[in-house]
Each structure stands twice: as structure tokens, then as C-alpha cells.
Amino acid sequence: GRIDLNVFHGDERQWRAWAGGGGRQMMADAD
């Protein structure tokens, strides 16, 4: 299933930290 990016809305710093810490691979797996 897809990750609901709305959970990161308004917190771009958290999003960047997550994306930079392996989140991209998680997203690729989930997408």
C-alpha cells in the first residue's frame, strides 16, 4: 500500500530526515 504523505504535512524537516534515513527505499517498496 502507499504511504500517506499527508502525515508529513507541515513538517518538511521531519520528512527530509525520514527520506534521508532510508525512507526512500521504504517508499519504493511500498509504492
N, C-alpha and C. Protein backbone atom coordinates (compact mmCIF):
# COMPACT_ATOMS: atom_id res chain seq x y z
N GLY A 1 0.82 -1.20 0.00
CA GLY A 1 0.00 0.00 0.00
C GLY A 1 0.85 1.25 0.00
N ARG A 2 0.26 2.35 -0.36
CA ARG A 2 1.01 3.60 -0.41
C ARG A 2 1.10 4.24 0.97
N ILE A 3 2.21 4.96 1.16
CA ILE A 3 2.38 5.71 2.41
C ILE A 3 1.63 7.03 2.27
N ASP A 4 0.84 7.39 3.26
CA ASP A 4 0.08 8.64 3.22
C ASP A 4 1.01 9.79 3.57
N LEU A 5 1.44 10.52 2.54
CA LEU A 5 2.40 11.60 2.79
C LEU A 5 1.78 12.74 3.58
N ASN A 6 0.46 12.74 3.74
CA ASN A 6 -0.18 13.81 4.50
C ASN A 6 0.30 13.82 5.94
N VAL A 7 0.80 12.70 6.42
CA VAL A 7 1.28 12.66 7.81
C VAL A 7 2.50 13.55 7.98
N PHE A 8 3.15 13.89 6.87
CA PHE A 8 4.34 14.73 6.95
C PHE A 8 4.01 16.19 6.66
N HIS A 9 2.77 16.49 6.39
CA HIS A 9 2.39 17.84 6.00
C HIS A 9 2.74 18.82 7.11
N GLY A 10 3.43 19.88 6.73
CA GLY A 10 3.77 20.90 7.72
C GLY A 10 5.01 20.57 8.52
N ASP A 11 5.68 19.47 8.16
CA ASP A 11 6.89 19.11 8.90
C ASP A 11 7.93 18.62 7.91
N GLU A 12 8.35 19.53 7.04
CA GLU A 12 9.28 19.16 5.97
C GLU A 12 10.61 18.68 6.52
N ARG A 13 11.01 19.22 7.67
CA ARG A 13 12.28 18.78 8.27
C ARG A 13 12.20 17.30 8.63
N GLN A 14 11.08 16.91 9.21
CA GLN A 14 10.91 15.50 9.56
C GLN A 14 10.89 14.66 8.30
N TRP A 15 10.20 15.17 7.27
CA TRP A 15 10.13 14.44 6.01
C TRP A 15 11.52 14.23 5.43
N ARG A 16 12.33 15.31 5.41
CA ARG A 16 13.67 15.20 4.84
C ARG A 16 14.53 14.24 5.66
N ALA A 17 14.38 14.30 6.97
CA ALA A 17 15.16 13.40 7.82
C ALA A 17 14.76 11.95 7.55
N TRP A 18 13.46 11.72 7.39
CA TRP A 18 12.97 10.37 7.12
C TRP A 18 13.42 9.90 5.75
N ALA A 19 13.28 10.76 4.75
CA ALA A 19 13.66 10.40 3.39
C ALA A 19 15.15 10.15 3.30
N GLY A 20 15.92 10.87 4.10
CA GLY A 20 17.37 10.72 4.06
C GLY A 20 17.85 9.56 4.91
N GLY A 21 16.96 8.98 5.70
CA GLY A 21 17.35 7.90 6.60
C GLY A 21 16.80 6.55 6.18
N GLY A 22 16.56 6.35 4.90
CA GLY A 22 16.08 5.06 4.43
C GLY A 22 14.63 5.11 3.98
N GLY A 23 13.98 6.24 4.18
CA GLY A 23 12.57 6.36 3.81
C GLY A 23 12.33 6.16 2.34
N ARG A 24 13.29 6.58 1.53
CA ARG A 24 13.10 6.45 0.08
C ARG A 24 12.97 4.99 -0.31
N GLN A 25 13.79 4.15 0.30
CA GLN A 25 13.71 2.73 -0.03
C GLN A 25 12.38 2.17 0.46
N MET A 26 11.96 2.60 1.64
CA MET A 26 10.67 2.16 2.18
C MET A 26 9.56 2.57 1.24
N MET A 27 9.64 3.78 0.74
CA MET A 27 8.61 4.28 -0.16
C MET A 27 8.61 3.46 -1.45
N ALA A 28 9.81 3.16 -1.94
CA ALA A 28 9.91 2.38 -3.17
C ALA A 28 9.29 1.00 -2.96
N ASP A 29 9.50 0.44 -1.80
CA ASP A 29 8.95 -0.88 -1.50
C ASP A 29 7.44 -0.81 -1.37
N ALA A 30 6.95 0.30 -0.82
CA ALA A 30 5.52 0.42 -0.55
C ALA A 30 4.74 0.82 -1.80
N ASP A 31 5.40 1.52 -2.69
CA ASP A 31 4.70 2.06 -3.84
C ASP A 31 4.27 0.97 -4.81
